[in-house]
Amino acid sequence: MKTLLALAIPLVFASCATISPPAPKGSIDHVVLMWQKRPGNAADRAALIAACEKLRAVPGIRSLHTGTALPSDRPIVDDSFDVGLTVRFDSAADLAAYGPHPLHLKQKDEVLVPLTRKILVYDIVR
């Protein structure tokens, strides 16, 4: 029993270490929701996600996540978008530098805008 307990305790603490700490004060979450021009087109969706993933190379990005809408029956949830992107920056200055960065402009102009009928952006400061 003591052996089992000795093995279990480090596992409990290790699992706690995987929980992300809260975002630092002043950090920015840049949330982008995209509706495809051709809803349901898997190739377009894959291209949008790939373009978003390329943005990881832009300096100042703390974290970047892409995905699709989780279907929901809850009336308060808007699951009508096709692709979502969340990017965390340490500061508003980092977000401001991201907008005109050549890699961001290239992905936006060559992939995101041509494949979407609507893009909605929310910037949230901590």
C-alpha atoms as a PDB file:
ATOM      1  CA  MET A   1       0.000   0.000   0.000  1.00  0.00           C
ATOM      2  CA  LYS A   2       2.828   2.417   0.877  1.00  0.00           C
ATOM      3  CA  THR A   3       4.479   1.655  -2.465  1.00  0.00           C
ATOM      4  CA  LEU A   4       1.279   2.426  -4.338  1.00  0.00           C
ATOM      5  CA  LEU A   5       0.851   5.674  -2.430  1.00  0.00           C
ATOM      6  CA  ALA A   6       4.493   6.602  -3.074  1.00  0.00           C
ATOM      7  CA  LEU A   7       3.901   6.127  -6.811  1.00  0.00           C
ATOM      8  CA  ALA A   8       0.581   7.982  -6.853  1.00  0.00           C
ATOM      9  CA  ILE A   9       1.690  11.184  -5.116  1.00  0.00           C
ATOM     10  CA  PRO A  10       4.208  12.247  -7.822  1.00  0.00           C
ATOM     11  CA  LEU A  11       1.584  11.562 -10.499  1.00  0.00           C
ATOM     12  CA  VAL A  12      -0.900  13.859  -8.773  1.00  0.00           C
ATOM     13  CA  PHE A  13       1.654  16.665  -8.552  1.00  0.00           C
ATOM     14  CA  ALA A  14       2.802  16.098 -12.137  1.00  0.00           C
ATOM     15  CA  SER A  15      -0.768  16.442 -13.408  1.00  0.00           C
ATOM     16  CA  CYS A  16      -1.171  19.728 -11.514  1.00  0.00           C
ATOM     17  CA  ALA A  17       1.953  21.063 -13.205  1.00  0.00           C
ATOM     18  CA  THR A  18       0.266  20.786 -16.607  1.00  0.00           C
ATOM     19  CA  ILE A  19      -2.404  23.378 -15.765  1.00  0.00           C
ATOM     20  CA  SER A  20      -1.443  26.694 -17.340  1.00  0.00           C
ATOM     21  CA  PRO A  21      -1.007  29.641 -15.012  1.00  0.00           C
ATOM     22  CA  PRO A  22      -3.284  32.634 -15.538  1.00  0.00           C
ATOM     23  CA  ALA A  23      -2.302  35.034 -18.298  1.00  0.00           C
ATOM     24  CA  PRO A  24      -0.147  37.909 -17.046  1.00  0.00           C
ATOM     25  CA  LYS A  25      -1.813  41.267 -16.473  1.00  0.00           C
ATOM     26  CA  GLY A  26      -1.629  43.354 -19.639  1.00  0.00           C
ATOM     27  CA  SER A  27      -1.506  40.350 -21.968  1.00  0.00           C
ATOM     28  CA  ILE A  28      -3.792  40.332 -24.995  1.00  0.00           C
ATOM     29  CA  ASP A  29      -5.900  37.498 -26.405  1.00  0.00           C
ATOM     30  CA  HIS A  30      -6.551  38.069 -30.120  1.00  0.00           C
ATOM     31  CA  VAL A  31      -9.569  35.946 -31.094  1.00  0.00           C
ATOM     32  CA  VAL A  32     -10.378  35.538 -34.791  1.00  0.00           C
ATOM     33  CA  LEU A  33     -13.503  33.764 -36.054  1.00  0.00           C
ATOM     34  CA  MET A  34     -13.817  32.921 -39.754  1.00  0.00           C
ATOM     35  CA  TRP A  35     -16.780  31.913 -41.905  1.00  0.00           C
ATOM     36  CA  GLN A  36     -15.836  30.171 -45.145  1.00  0.00           C
ATOM     37  CA  LYS A  37     -17.111  31.349 -48.516  1.00  0.00           C
ATOM     38  CA  ARG A  38     -17.794  27.678 -49.231  1.00  0.00           C
ATOM     39  CA  PRO A  39     -19.083  26.319 -45.894  1.00  0.00           C
ATOM     40  CA  GLY A  40     -18.193  22.711 -45.286  1.00  0.00           C
ATOM     41  CA  ASN A  41     -15.389  22.667 -47.873  1.00  0.00           C
ATOM     42  CA  ALA A  42     -12.736  20.543 -46.130  1.00  0.00           C
ATOM     43  CA  ALA A  43      -9.864  21.705 -48.372  1.00  0.00           C
ATOM     44  CA  ASP A  44     -10.642  25.366 -47.678  1.00  0.00           C
ATOM     45  CA  ARG A  45     -10.914  24.678 -43.940  1.00  0.00           C
ATOM     46  CA  ALA A  46      -7.543  22.876 -43.983  1.00  0.00           C
ATOM     47  CA  ALA A  47      -5.968  25.774 -45.915  1.00  0.00           C
ATOM     48  CA  LEU A  48      -7.287  28.301 -43.389  1.00  0.00           C
ATOM     49  CA  ILE A  49      -5.932  26.297 -40.465  1.00  0.00           C
ATOM     50  CA  ALA A  50      -2.557  25.801 -42.182  1.00  0.00           C
ATOM     51  CA  ALA A  51      -2.296  29.544 -42.891  1.00  0.00           C
ATOM     52  CA  CYS A  52      -3.054  30.320 -39.250  1.00  0.00           C
ATOM     53  CA  GLU A  53      -0.454  27.813 -38.051  1.00  0.00           C
ATOM     54  CA  LYS A  54       2.204  29.552 -40.188  1.00  0.00           C
ATOM     55  CA  LEU A  55       1.666  32.673 -38.099  1.00  0.00           C
ATOM     56  CA  ARG A  56       3.555  31.007 -35.222  1.00  0.00           C
ATOM     57  CA  ALA A  57       6.735  32.405 -36.803  1.00  0.00           C
ATOM     58  CA  VAL A  58       5.643  36.018 -36.183  1.00  0.00           C
ATOM     59  CA  PRO A  59       7.672  37.512 -33.307  1.00  0.00           C
ATOM     60  CA  GLY A  60       5.770  38.463 -30.168  1.00  0.00           C
ATOM     61  CA  ILE A  61       3.303  35.578 -30.203  1.00  0.00           C
ATOM     62  CA  ARG A  62       3.172  33.877 -26.805  1.00  0.00           C
ATOM     63  CA  SER A  63       0.747  31.125 -27.871  1.00  0.00           C
ATOM     64  CA  LEU A  64      -1.402  30.270 -30.881  1.00  0.00           C
ATOM     65  CA  HIS A  65      -4.288  27.810 -31.208  1.00  0.00           C
ATOM     66  CA  THR A  66      -6.531  26.986 -34.151  1.00  0.00           C
ATOM     67  CA  GLY A  67      -9.647  24.874 -34.380  1.00  0.00           C
ATOM     68  CA  THR A  68     -13.202  24.548 -35.561  1.00  0.00           C
ATOM     69  CA  ALA A  69     -16.518  25.336 -33.911  1.00  0.00           C
ATOM     70  CA  LEU A  70     -17.791  22.848 -31.367  1.00  0.00           C
ATOM     71  CA  PRO A  71     -21.416  22.137 -32.273  1.00  0.00           C
ATOM     72  CA  SER A  72     -23.755  23.208 -29.485  1.00  0.00           C
ATOM     73  CA  ASP A  73     -27.472  23.135 -28.735  1.00  0.00           C
ATOM     74  CA  ARG A  74     -27.060  25.912 -26.156  1.00  0.00           C
ATOM     75  CA  PRO A  75     -28.828  29.053 -27.429  1.00  0.00           C
ATOM     76  CA  ILE A  76     -26.108  31.337 -26.028  1.00  0.00           C
ATOM     77  CA  VAL A  77     -23.350  29.607 -28.043  1.00  0.00           C
ATOM     78  CA  ASP A  78     -22.569  30.813 -31.570  1.00  0.00           C
ATOM     79  CA  ASP A  79     -21.212  27.772 -33.377  1.00  0.00           C
ATOM     80  CA  SER A  80     -21.823  29.170 -36.859  1.00  0.00           C
ATOM     81  CA  PHE A  81     -18.162  29.957 -37.630  1.00  0.00           C
ATOM     82  CA  ASP A  82     -15.919  27.499 -39.463  1.00  0.00           C
ATOM     83  CA  VAL A  83     -12.425  28.193 -38.117  1.00  0.00           C
ATOM     84  CA  GLY A  84     -11.262  29.927 -34.958  1.00  0.00           C
ATOM     85  CA  LEU A  85      -7.845  31.292 -34.079  1.00  0.00           C
ATOM     86  CA  THR A  86      -6.665  32.503 -30.682  1.00  0.00           C
ATOM     87  CA  VAL A  87      -3.319  34.236 -30.333  1.00  0.00           C
ATOM     88  CA  ARG A  88      -1.896  35.476 -27.041  1.00  0.00           C
ATOM     89  CA  PHE A  89       0.491  38.418 -26.906  1.00  0.00           C
ATOM     90  CA  ASP A  90       2.340  39.753 -23.871  1.00  0.00           C
ATOM     91  CA  SER A  91       1.314  43.324 -24.652  1.00  0.00           C
ATOM     92  CA  ALA A  92      -0.713  45.630 -26.850  1.00  0.00           C
ATOM     93  CA  ALA A  93       2.590  46.657 -28.475  1.00  0.00           C
ATOM     94  CA  ASP A  94       3.189  43.046 -29.567  1.00  0.00           C
ATOM     95  CA  LEU A  95      -0.322  42.917 -31.058  1.00  0.00           C
ATOM     96  CA  ALA A  96       0.299  46.220 -32.849  1.00  0.00           C
ATOM     97  CA  ALA A  97       3.528  44.840 -34.360  1.00  0.00           C
ATOM     98  CA  TYR A  98       1.745  41.634 -35.473  1.00  0.00           C
ATOM     99  CA  GLY A  99      -0.812  43.408 -37.702  1.00  0.00           C
ATOM    100  CA  PRO A 100       1.630  44.845 -40.269  1.00  0.00           C
ATOM    101  CA  HIS A 101       4.121  41.954 -40.061  1.00  0.00           C
ATOM    102  CA  PRO A 102       4.823  40.630 -43.602  1.00  0.00           C
ATOM    103  CA  LEU A 103       4.002  37.004 -42.727  1.00  0.00           C
ATOM    104  CA  HIS A 104       0.660  38.025 -41.216  1.00  0.00           C
ATOM    105  CA  LEU A 105      -0.172  40.193 -44.235  1.00  0.00           C
ATOM    106  CA  LYS A 106       0.799  37.396 -46.633  1.00  0.00           C
ATOM    107  CA  GLN A 107      -1.428  34.781 -44.959  1.00  0.00           C
ATOM    108  CA  LYS A 108      -4.280  37.266 -44.601  1.00  0.00           C
ATOM    109  CA  ASP A 109      -4.116  38.493 -48.200  1.00  0.00           C
ATOM    110  CA  GLU A 110      -3.341  35.193 -49.944  1.00  0.00           C
ATOM    111  CA  VAL A 111      -5.394  32.693 -47.916  1.00  0.00           C
ATOM    112  CA  LEU A 112      -7.648  34.064 -45.172  1.00  0.00           C
ATOM    113  CA  VAL A 113      -9.463  36.831 -47.048  1.00  0.00           C
ATOM    114  CA  PRO A 114      -9.894  34.881 -50.330  1.00  0.00           C
ATOM    115  CA  LEU A 115     -11.421  31.861 -48.552  1.00  0.00           C
ATOM    116  CA  THR A 116     -13.678  33.655 -46.073  1.00  0.00           C
ATOM    117  CA  ARG A 117     -16.911  35.586 -46.423  1.00  0.00           C
ATOM    118  CA  LYS A 118     -16.654  37.026 -42.917  1.00  0.00           C
ATOM    119  CA  ILE A 119     -13.915  37.493 -40.330  1.00  0.00           C
ATOM    120  CA  LEU A 120     -14.709  38.708 -36.835  1.00  0.00           C
ATOM    121  CA  VAL A 121     -11.965  39.747 -34.400  1.00  0.00           C
ATOM    122  CA  TYR A 122     -12.038  40.278 -30.635  1.00  0.00           C
ATOM    123  CA  ASP A 123      -9.062  41.636 -28.704  1.00  0.00           C
ATOM    124  CA  ILE A 124      -9.254  40.995 -24.976  1.00  0.00           C
ATOM    125  CA  VAL A 125      -6.856  42.587 -22.496  1.00  0.00           C
ATOM    126  CA  ARG A 126      -6.143  40.931 -19.195  1.00  0.00           C
END
